Amino acid sequence: MNNDQGLLFSDALMRDIKSRFHYVDQDINGRERLFFDNAGGSFRLKAATEAFARIDALPDCPERNHALALFLQNVQAEGTDDVRTILNARGGSVYASLTASGAMFDMVRAVTENIPGTNMVTSILEHPSSFDAMSLYADRTDKELRVARSNPVTGGIDVEEIAGLVDQSTCLLSVMFASNISGAKIDVEAIVKHARAVKPDLYILVDAVQHAPHGLIDLQKAPVDGINFAPYKFFGCRGSGLAWLSERAAALPHHKLAGKQADFWDLGSSAPWQFAVATEIVNYVCWIGSQFIESSDRRELFVCGIDRIERHERALLARMLNGSEDIAGLRTLAHFNVFIDYEDLTKRDLILAVGFDNLGYTDAVREYERRGVIVYERVVSSLYSKRMLDSFGLDGAIRVSPLHCNSVADIDRFLQITLEISEAFAPAAIGTATS
């Protein structure tokens, strides 16, 4: 078991990081709060929102030959390169869509409608954007959908469980990089290796929406055919989904204008701001990297920056779970549960599924909000949660998802508020209130 507990940013760097984001410590009305719902949409980089406004304000069409049109073409080219920087992708095609979900549906359709096979493989933990796409096109193409079970101890998917469902008749494997409920990282590199050992030409798609802001992605080590991420969960802006497709996947028949190249996936006029935002995301992560190494290589700086983000977040996760000499961690609170609490924090992104013994999940979220904390309930009545929760044997959970721009002080404040709620709804306190 790996006991790496992470490494916090220095106080000075933490202050600088916070200053680069909107509304980290206060909401739009100036009210102090802890926003711990970044898994539903992360804090926004000021540079990203500024780039969005600046580029989208231009009326110029990039498919022209005058100076500003050429400028916009360059913005797109740089952003396209930066998508490859994030993924360590070479060649292939970058696809900018309205949402990452839309991109996933399009990629699943292209493979299942054009690649022979009698079955498709995915996992029970997939987001509906990938699971429902797989289900839809399995039905439409009369293919069997094979679904790997979750591991309720780790909160993830065992490599052997999902790779073991692949055979010579599998046309597509779709798997996510990390669970958006348990935070468990999925070993995509090992899954790709084992699945391709069974079928070397297997098409593989990956949902990286949850994991991309928290840890490294390297398609040279995990060569897949399609992968997506969502800038609005990655310090960027809503209204954009970005995907990359391998050369063979990009060339599959898909919706496109007839006059465009065979591997071109964008439909209609492009929105250059999407690419400008991608560049600002990479600029920011590279800036963090530059605080620790000297390099002129953009991918090297990005790797260092995302590694430092991951290590800081692991330290925050350890603090939340274990507390300190001054404040109790979540693991030790009475009348409180940390679900799917896997000890090896290197296998987890910064997401916690928790709950109170004597307080429903929705009511608990409201109690947190009254105290200036934003979290989110995941319950079995939700189409975004039921399948995953059922696989873990849970009827619900409070999802807590801070970000690397949160500090130890933020975590300690959350722990104190959680203690207050726990004590307020302890059996003795409830009995006193009702007697």
Protein backbone atom coordinates (compact mmCIF):
# COMPACT_ATOMS: atom_id res chain seq x y z
CA MET A 1 0.00 0.00 0.00
CA ASN A 2 1.40 3.41 -1.01
CA ASN A 3 1.48 5.81 1.97
CA ASP A 4 2.30 8.97 0.00
CA GLN A 5 0.31 11.75 1.71
CA GLY A 6 1.09 14.44 -0.86
CA LEU A 7 2.83 17.79 -0.55
CA LEU A 8 1.21 21.16 0.06
CA PHE A 9 1.96 24.31 -1.90
CA SER A 10 3.83 26.97 0.06
CA ASP A 11 1.70 29.70 1.64
CA ALA A 12 3.08 32.27 -0.81
CA LEU A 13 2.28 30.12 -3.84
CA MET A 14 -1.15 29.32 -2.40
CA ARG A 15 -1.97 33.03 -2.19
CA ASP A 16 -0.83 33.54 -5.79
CA ILE A 17 -2.86 30.57 -7.00
CA LYS A 18 -6.03 31.79 -5.27
CA SER A 19 -5.60 35.24 -6.82
CA ARG A 20 -5.81 33.72 -10.31
CA PHE A 21 -9.32 32.32 -9.83
CA HIS A 22 -12.75 33.89 -9.49
CA TYR A 23 -14.81 33.48 -6.31
CA VAL A 24 -12.57 31.11 -4.37
CA ASP A 25 -13.32 32.65 -0.97
CA GLN A 26 -16.50 34.63 -1.67
CA ASP A 27 -19.50 34.20 -3.93
CA ILE A 28 -20.73 36.75 -6.46
CA ASN A 29 -22.58 38.62 -3.70
CA GLY A 30 -19.50 38.96 -1.52
CA ARG A 31 -20.61 36.30 0.95
CA GLU A 32 -17.81 34.18 2.37
CA ARG A 33 -18.16 30.55 1.42
CA LEU A 34 -16.38 27.29 0.73
CA PHE A 35 -17.22 26.03 -2.73
CA PHE A 36 -16.59 22.30 -2.51
CA ASP A 37 -18.56 21.26 -5.61
CA ASN A 38 -15.78 21.50 -8.17
CA ALA A 39 -16.66 18.05 -9.56
CA GLY A 40 -19.82 19.69 -10.91
CA GLY A 41 -17.93 22.63 -12.42
CA SER A 42 -14.63 24.00 -11.21
CA PHE A 43 -13.46 27.42 -10.14
CA ARG A 44 -12.80 29.59 -13.21
CA LEU A 45 -9.42 30.99 -14.10
CA LYS A 46 -9.61 34.75 -14.52
CA ALA A 47 -7.37 34.43 -17.58
CA ALA A 48 -9.78 31.90 -19.11
CA THR A 49 -12.89 34.05 -18.69
CA GLU A 50 -10.98 37.08 -19.96
CA ALA A 51 -9.83 35.15 -23.04
CA PHE A 52 -13.40 33.98 -23.64
CA ALA A 53 -14.75 37.55 -23.54
CA ARG A 54 -11.93 39.03 -25.61
CA ILE A 55 -11.98 36.45 -28.39
CA ASP A 56 -15.73 35.90 -28.57
CA ALA A 57 -16.32 39.66 -28.86
CA LEU A 58 -14.67 39.64 -32.28
CA PRO A 59 -17.18 39.42 -35.17
CA ASP A 60 -14.53 38.15 -37.57
CA CYS A 61 -14.92 34.74 -39.16
CA PRO A 62 -11.70 32.73 -38.95
CA GLU A 63 -12.37 31.29 -42.40
CA ARG A 64 -11.28 34.52 -44.09
CA ASN A 65 -7.95 36.02 -45.20
CA HIS A 66 -7.75 39.39 -43.46
CA ALA A 67 -5.55 40.15 -40.46
CA LEU A 68 -7.98 39.39 -37.61
CA ALA A 69 -9.21 36.24 -39.32
CA LEU A 70 -5.63 35.05 -39.53
CA PHE A 71 -5.20 35.96 -35.87
CA LEU A 72 -8.18 33.77 -34.98
CA GLN A 73 -6.76 30.93 -37.06
CA ASN A 74 -3.60 31.19 -34.99
CA VAL A 75 -5.63 31.14 -31.76
CA GLN A 76 -7.24 27.91 -32.93
CA ALA A 77 -3.95 26.38 -33.97
CA GLU A 78 -2.33 27.17 -30.61
CA GLY A 79 -5.35 25.84 -28.72
CA THR A 80 -5.34 22.66 -30.79
CA ASP A 81 -1.67 22.16 -29.97
CA ASP A 82 -2.46 22.72 -26.29
CA VAL A 83 -5.16 20.04 -26.28
CA ARG A 84 -2.42 17.70 -27.46
CA THR A 85 -0.15 19.08 -24.72
CA ILE A 86 -2.70 18.18 -22.05
CA LEU A 87 -3.08 14.65 -23.40
CA ASN A 88 0.44 14.05 -24.77
CA ALA A 89 -1.28 13.20 -28.03
CA ARG A 90 0.42 13.09 -31.41
CA GLY A 91 -1.34 13.38 -34.72
CA GLY A 92 -5.03 12.52 -34.84
CA SER A 93 -7.79 15.12 -34.77
CA VAL A 94 -8.98 17.57 -32.14
CA TYR A 95 -12.75 18.00 -31.99
CA ALA A 96 -14.38 21.04 -30.35
CA SER A 97 -18.06 20.50 -29.56
CA LEU A 98 -20.70 22.12 -27.40
CA THR A 99 -20.19 19.60 -24.58
CA ALA A 100 -17.89 16.72 -23.72
CA SER A 101 -21.01 14.54 -23.55
CA GLY A 102 -21.87 15.39 -27.14
CA ALA A 103 -18.36 14.49 -28.24
CA MET A 104 -18.60 11.13 -26.49
CA PHE A 105 -21.90 10.25 -28.15
CA ASP A 106 -20.40 11.16 -31.54
CA MET A 107 -17.30 9.04 -30.99
CA VAL A 108 -19.27 6.02 -29.75
CA ARG A 109 -21.57 6.26 -32.76
CA ALA A 110 -18.72 6.42 -35.26
CA VAL A 111 -17.09 3.28 -33.89
CA THR A 112 -20.17 1.14 -33.31
CA GLU A 113 -21.75 1.91 -36.68
CA ASN A 114 -18.59 1.17 -38.63
CA ILE A 115 -16.51 -1.43 -36.79
CA PRO A 116 -17.64 -5.07 -36.91
CA GLY A 117 -18.21 -7.03 -33.73
CA THR A 118 -20.95 -8.58 -31.65
CA ASN A 119 -20.29 -6.90 -28.29
CA MET A 120 -19.20 -3.68 -26.56
CA VAL A 121 -17.57 -3.34 -23.14
CA THR A 122 -17.90 -0.63 -20.50
CA SER A 123 -18.16 -0.29 -16.70
CA ILE A 124 -20.96 0.31 -14.24
CA LEU A 125 -19.27 3.52 -13.03
CA GLU A 126 -19.39 5.41 -16.31
CA HIS A 127 -21.02 8.82 -16.52
CA PRO A 128 -24.36 8.70 -18.41
CA SER A 129 -22.73 10.52 -21.32
CA SER A 130 -20.66 7.43 -22.05
CA PHE A 131 -22.78 4.65 -20.51
CA ASP A 132 -25.97 5.81 -22.21
CA ALA A 133 -24.14 6.31 -25.50
CA MET A 134 -22.86 2.75 -25.29
CA SER A 135 -26.34 1.44 -24.40
CA LEU A 136 -28.03 3.40 -27.19
CA TYR A 137 -25.70 2.27 -29.94
CA ALA A 138 -25.49 -1.29 -28.66
CA ASP A 139 -29.25 -1.44 -29.11
CA ARG A 140 -29.18 0.27 -32.51
CA THR A 141 -26.48 -2.01 -33.87
CA ASP A 142 -27.79 -5.17 -32.17
CA LYS A 143 -24.66 -5.70 -30.08
CA GLU A 144 -24.33 -7.11 -26.57
CA LEU A 145 -23.32 -4.56 -23.93
CA ARG A 146 -21.00 -6.08 -21.35
CA VAL A 147 -20.72 -4.11 -18.12
CA ALA A 148 -17.83 -4.48 -15.67
CA ARG A 149 -18.68 -4.41 -11.96
CA SER A 150 -17.20 -1.88 -9.55
CA ASN A 151 -14.94 -2.72 -6.64
CA PRO A 152 -16.72 -1.40 -3.51
CA VAL A 153 -13.44 -1.43 -1.56
CA THR A 154 -11.36 0.71 -3.91
CA GLY A 155 -14.30 2.57 -5.42
CA GLY A 156 -12.96 1.82 -8.89
CA ILE A 157 -12.88 -0.87 -11.56
CA ASP A 158 -10.41 -3.74 -11.39
CA VAL A 159 -8.29 -4.13 -14.52
CA GLU A 160 -9.04 -7.85 -14.80
CA GLU A 161 -12.77 -7.24 -14.35
CA ILE A 162 -13.14 -5.00 -17.40
CA ALA A 163 -10.36 -6.39 -19.59
CA GLY A 164 -11.72 -9.88 -18.96
CA LEU A 165 -14.92 -8.97 -20.80
CA VAL A 166 -13.03 -8.23 -24.03
CA ASP A 167 -12.80 -10.91 -26.71
CA GLN A 168 -12.18 -11.12 -30.46
CA SER A 169 -15.76 -10.02 -31.15
CA THR A 170 -15.56 -6.80 -29.09
CA CYS A 171 -15.82 -3.72 -31.32
CA LEU A 172 -15.43 -1.04 -28.63
CA LEU A 173 -14.22 -0.62 -25.05
CA SER A 174 -15.23 2.55 -23.20
CA VAL A 175 -13.88 3.39 -19.74
CA MET A 176 -13.49 6.48 -17.56
CA PHE A 177 -10.26 7.81 -15.99
CA ALA A 178 -11.73 8.39 -12.52
CA SER A 179 -15.06 7.99 -10.75
CA ASN A 180 -17.01 11.19 -10.17
CA ILE A 181 -18.56 9.70 -7.01
CA SER A 182 -15.77 7.79 -5.26
CA GLY A 183 -12.82 9.69 -6.76
CA ALA A 184 -11.11 6.37 -7.52
CA LYS A 185 -8.61 6.50 -10.37
CA ILE A 186 -9.01 3.82 -13.00
CA ASP A 187 -5.77 2.24 -14.29
CA VAL A 188 -6.42 3.07 -17.94
CA GLU A 189 -2.85 2.26 -18.97
CA ALA A 190 -3.14 -1.30 -17.62
CA ILE A 191 -6.64 -1.75 -19.05
CA VAL A 192 -5.43 -0.71 -22.52
CA LYS A 193 -2.47 -3.07 -22.28
CA HIS A 194 -4.54 -6.07 -21.16
CA ALA A 195 -7.42 -5.44 -23.57
CA ARG A 196 -5.15 -5.00 -26.57
CA ALA A 197 -3.33 -8.21 -25.62
CA VAL A 198 -6.64 -9.93 -26.29
CA LYS A 199 -7.53 -7.90 -29.38
CA PRO A 200 -4.68 -5.76 -30.75
CA ASP A 201 -6.89 -3.63 -33.03
CA LEU A 202 -9.56 -2.96 -30.42
CA TYR A 203 -11.05 0.54 -30.45
CA ILE A 204 -10.91 2.22 -27.01
CA LEU A 205 -12.58 5.43 -25.84
CA VAL A 206 -11.90 7.20 -22.53
CA ASP A 207 -13.94 9.71 -20.54
CA ALA A 208 -11.37 11.99 -18.87
CA VAL A 209 -13.82 14.70 -17.79
CA GLN A 210 -13.49 13.98 -14.08
CA HIS A 211 -9.77 13.27 -13.93
CA ALA A 212 -8.23 15.85 -16.27
CA PRO A 213 -8.03 18.72 -13.70
CA HIS A 214 -6.48 16.47 -11.04
CA GLY A 215 -3.77 14.34 -12.60
CA LEU A 216 -1.61 13.46 -15.56
CA ILE A 217 -2.91 11.94 -18.80
CA ASP A 218 -0.37 10.42 -21.18
CA LEU A 219 -1.68 8.90 -24.38
CA GLN A 220 1.79 7.69 -25.29
CA LYS A 221 1.50 5.28 -22.36
CA ALA A 222 -2.21 4.60 -22.84
CA PRO A 223 -2.78 4.76 -26.61
CA VAL A 224 -6.55 5.04 -27.06
CA ASP A 225 -8.71 6.04 -30.02
CA GLY A 226 -10.72 8.81 -28.44
CA ILE A 227 -10.74 10.84 -25.25
CA ASN A 228 -12.73 13.83 -24.04
CA PHE A 229 -12.58 16.47 -21.32
CA ALA A 230 -14.69 19.45 -20.28
CA PRO A 231 -13.02 22.86 -19.84
CA TYR A 232 -15.70 23.98 -17.36
CA LYS A 233 -14.47 21.28 -14.97
CA PHE A 234 -10.86 22.17 -15.78
CA PHE A 235 -10.66 25.84 -14.71
CA GLY A 236 -12.25 26.96 -18.02
CA CYS A 237 -15.69 27.96 -19.32
CA ARG A 238 -19.04 26.29 -19.93
CA GLY A 239 -20.31 25.70 -23.46
CA SER A 240 -17.31 23.74 -24.65
CA GLY A 241 -16.30 20.12 -24.90
CA LEU A 242 -12.93 19.03 -26.27
CA ALA A 243 -11.96 15.65 -27.62
CA TRP A 244 -9.08 14.00 -29.43
CA LEU A 245 -9.39 11.09 -31.87
CA SER A 246 -6.70 8.82 -33.25
CA GLU A 247 -6.08 8.92 -36.98
CA ARG A 248 -8.04 5.73 -37.61
CA ALA A 249 -10.97 6.82 -35.42
CA ALA A 250 -11.08 10.31 -36.92
CA ALA A 251 -11.33 8.80 -40.41
CA LEU A 252 -14.42 6.73 -39.57
CA PRO A 253 -17.65 7.96 -41.21
CA HIS A 254 -19.24 10.67 -39.08
CA HIS A 255 -21.39 13.77 -39.38
CA LYS A 256 -19.43 16.37 -41.35
CA LEU A 257 -19.70 18.73 -44.27
CA ALA A 258 -18.95 16.84 -47.49
CA GLY A 259 -16.26 19.26 -48.56
CA LYS A 260 -14.21 18.93 -45.39
CA GLN A 261 -11.32 16.52 -44.96
CA ALA A 262 -12.18 12.96 -43.95
CA ASP A 263 -10.73 13.40 -40.44
CA PHE A 264 -12.41 16.76 -39.70
CA TRP A 265 -15.07 16.60 -36.97
CA ASP A 266 -16.21 20.16 -36.20
CA LEU A 267 -19.61 21.06 -37.63
CA GLY A 268 -20.41 24.63 -38.58
CA SER A 269 -18.32 27.70 -37.84
CA SER A 270 -15.76 27.15 -35.14
CA ALA A 271 -15.73 29.13 -31.91
CA PRO A 272 -12.13 30.34 -31.48
CA TRP A 273 -12.70 31.17 -27.80
CA GLN A 274 -12.82 27.44 -27.04
CA PHE A 275 -9.22 27.14 -28.17
CA ALA A 276 -8.17 30.35 -26.43
CA VAL A 277 -9.51 28.97 -23.15
CA ALA A 278 -7.62 25.70 -23.67
CA THR A 279 -4.42 27.70 -24.09
CA GLU A 280 -5.05 29.64 -20.88
CA ILE A 281 -5.60 26.38 -18.98
CA VAL A 282 -2.27 25.08 -20.21
CA ASN A 283 -0.57 28.43 -19.56
CA TYR A 284 -1.72 28.26 -15.96
CA VAL A 285 -0.63 24.68 -15.29
CA CYS A 286 2.71 25.44 -16.96
CA TRP A 287 3.08 28.50 -14.72
CA ILE A 288 2.75 26.24 -11.68
CA GLY A 289 5.35 23.94 -13.20
CA SER A 290 7.70 26.89 -13.72
CA GLN A 291 7.69 27.50 -9.96
CA PHE A 292 9.53 24.18 -9.53
CA ILE A 293 11.58 23.54 -12.69
CA GLU A 294 13.26 25.51 -15.44
CA SER A 295 12.30 24.35 -18.90
CA SER A 296 11.33 25.69 -22.28
CA ASP A 297 9.38 22.54 -23.11
CA ARG A 298 5.63 23.14 -22.72
CA ARG A 299 4.68 19.51 -22.06
CA GLU A 300 7.46 19.17 -19.48
CA LEU A 301 6.21 22.25 -17.63
CA PHE A 302 2.62 20.99 -17.86
CA VAL A 303 3.61 17.58 -16.47
CA CYS A 304 5.36 19.23 -13.53
CA GLY A 305 2.44 21.57 -12.90
CA ILE A 306 -0.25 18.90 -12.95
CA ASP A 307 1.93 16.66 -10.77
CA ARG A 308 2.21 19.46 -8.19
CA ILE A 309 -1.56 20.00 -8.36
CA GLU A 310 -2.07 16.30 -7.73
CA ARG A 311 0.33 16.26 -4.79
CA HIS A 312 -1.24 19.33 -3.18
CA GLU A 313 -4.71 17.83 -3.57
CA ARG A 314 -3.54 14.55 -2.05
CA ALA A 315 -2.28 16.49 0.97
CA LEU A 316 -5.67 18.20 1.25
CA LEU A 317 -7.40 14.83 1.02
CA ALA A 318 -5.18 13.43 3.77
CA ARG A 319 -5.96 16.45 5.94
CA MET A 320 -9.71 16.03 5.42
CA LEU A 321 -9.57 12.36 6.33
CA ASN A 322 -7.06 12.42 9.17
CA GLY A 323 -7.26 15.96 10.56
CA SER A 324 -4.42 17.31 12.67
CA GLU A 325 -3.49 17.87 16.31
CA ASP A 326 -5.87 20.81 16.33
CA ILE A 327 -8.92 19.37 14.58
CA ALA A 328 -10.46 15.94 14.04
CA GLY A 329 -10.50 14.42 10.57
CA LEU A 330 -13.61 12.99 8.95
CA ARG A 331 -12.53 9.42 9.71
CA THR A 332 -12.79 10.02 13.46
CA LEU A 333 -16.04 12.00 13.66
CA ALA A 334 -18.89 10.42 15.59
CA HIS A 335 -22.20 9.82 13.79
CA PHE A 336 -20.46 10.39 10.45
CA ASN A 337 -19.32 8.08 7.64
CA VAL A 338 -16.67 8.27 4.97
CA PHE A 339 -17.85 5.90 2.25
CA ILE A 340 -15.51 3.88 0.01
CA ASP A 341 -12.58 5.02 2.14
CA TYR A 342 -9.66 3.37 0.36
CA GLU A 343 -6.39 3.88 2.25
CA ASP A 344 -4.04 4.37 -0.72
CA LEU A 345 -4.54 8.05 -1.51
CA THR A 346 -2.37 7.81 -4.65
CA LYS A 347 -5.28 5.90 -6.18
CA ARG A 348 -7.78 8.68 -5.49
CA ASP A 349 -8.62 12.11 -6.85
CA LEU A 350 -9.83 14.85 -4.50
CA ILE A 351 -13.42 13.65 -4.10
CA LEU A 352 -15.10 12.28 -0.99
CA ALA A 353 -18.44 10.51 -0.59
CA VAL A 354 -19.67 11.02 2.98
CA GLY A 355 -22.81 11.01 5.10
CA PHE A 356 -24.26 11.67 8.57
CA ASP A 357 -25.93 8.93 10.60
CA ASN A 358 -28.88 11.09 11.61
CA LEU A 359 -29.28 13.50 8.73
CA GLY A 360 -30.46 12.81 5.17
CA TYR A 361 -28.17 13.70 2.30
CA THR A 362 -30.31 16.51 0.88
CA ASP A 363 -30.94 17.97 4.33
CA ALA A 364 -27.22 17.77 5.09
CA VAL A 365 -26.40 19.72 1.93
CA ARG A 366 -28.80 22.44 3.07
CA GLU A 367 -27.19 22.49 6.53
CA TYR A 368 -23.80 22.97 4.92
CA GLU A 369 -25.16 25.79 2.75
CA ARG A 370 -26.55 27.57 5.82
CA ARG A 371 -23.00 27.57 7.15
CA GLY A 372 -21.45 28.83 3.93
CA VAL A 373 -20.37 25.53 2.35
CA ILE A 374 -21.46 24.30 -1.07
CA VAL A 375 -21.45 20.51 -1.53
CA TYR A 376 -23.77 18.20 -3.47
CA GLU A 377 -25.96 15.21 -2.73
CA ARG A 378 -25.67 12.10 -4.88
CA VAL A 379 -28.84 10.04 -4.40
CA VAL A 380 -30.35 6.96 -6.03
CA SER A 381 -33.24 8.98 -7.47
CA SER A 382 -30.79 10.81 -9.74
CA LEU A 383 -30.08 9.54 -13.25
CA TYR A 384 -26.50 10.74 -12.71
CA SER A 385 -26.00 8.64 -9.58
CA LYS A 386 -28.25 5.59 -9.20
CA ARG A 387 -26.27 3.05 -11.23
CA MET A 388 -22.99 3.89 -9.49
CA LEU A 389 -24.44 4.12 -5.98
CA ASP A 390 -26.23 0.79 -6.41
CA SER A 391 -22.93 -0.81 -7.40
CA PHE A 392 -21.40 0.38 -4.12
CA GLY A 393 -24.40 -0.68 -2.03
CA LEU A 394 -25.17 2.93 -1.09
CA ASP A 395 -28.49 4.75 -1.09
CA GLY A 396 -26.74 8.08 -1.43
CA ALA A 397 -23.81 10.24 -0.40
CA ILE A 398 -22.76 13.83 0.05
CA ARG A 399 -20.09 14.52 -2.55
CA VAL A 400 -17.33 16.83 -1.36
CA SER A 401 -14.97 18.07 -4.07
CA PRO A 402 -12.49 20.86 -3.27
CA LEU A 403 -9.80 21.94 -5.75
CA HIS A 404 -6.07 22.64 -5.62
CA CYS A 405 -6.76 26.34 -5.12
CA ASN A 406 -8.16 25.49 -1.70
CA SER A 407 -5.85 25.80 1.29
CA VAL A 408 -5.34 23.90 4.52
CA ALA A 409 -7.28 26.69 6.27
CA ASP A 410 -10.22 25.96 3.95
CA ILE A 411 -10.08 22.27 4.80
CA ASP A 412 -9.90 22.96 8.54
CA ARG A 413 -12.89 25.29 8.30
CA PHE A 414 -14.83 22.55 6.51
CA LEU A 415 -13.87 20.05 9.21
CA GLN A 416 -15.03 22.42 11.95
CA ILE A 417 -18.36 23.00 10.20
CA THR A 418 -18.82 19.26 9.69
CA LEU A 419 -18.16 18.70 13.39
CA GLU A 420 -20.78 21.32 14.27
CA ILE A 421 -23.38 19.66 12.05
CA SER A 422 -22.52 16.22 13.40
CA GLU A 423 -22.91 17.41 16.99
CA ALA A 424 -26.13 19.29 16.21
CA PHE A 425 -27.71 16.13 14.80
CA ALA A 426 -26.22 13.60 17.23
CA PRO A 427 -28.82 11.37 18.90
CA ALA A 428 -28.48 13.17 22.25
CA ALA A 429 -28.88 16.58 20.64
CA ILE A 430 -31.90 15.46 18.64
CA GLY A 431 -33.46 13.96 21.78
CA THR A 432 -32.92 17.18 23.72
CA ALA A 433 -34.42 19.26 20.92
CA THR A 434 -37.58 17.14 20.70
CA SER A 435 -38.15 16.55 24.44
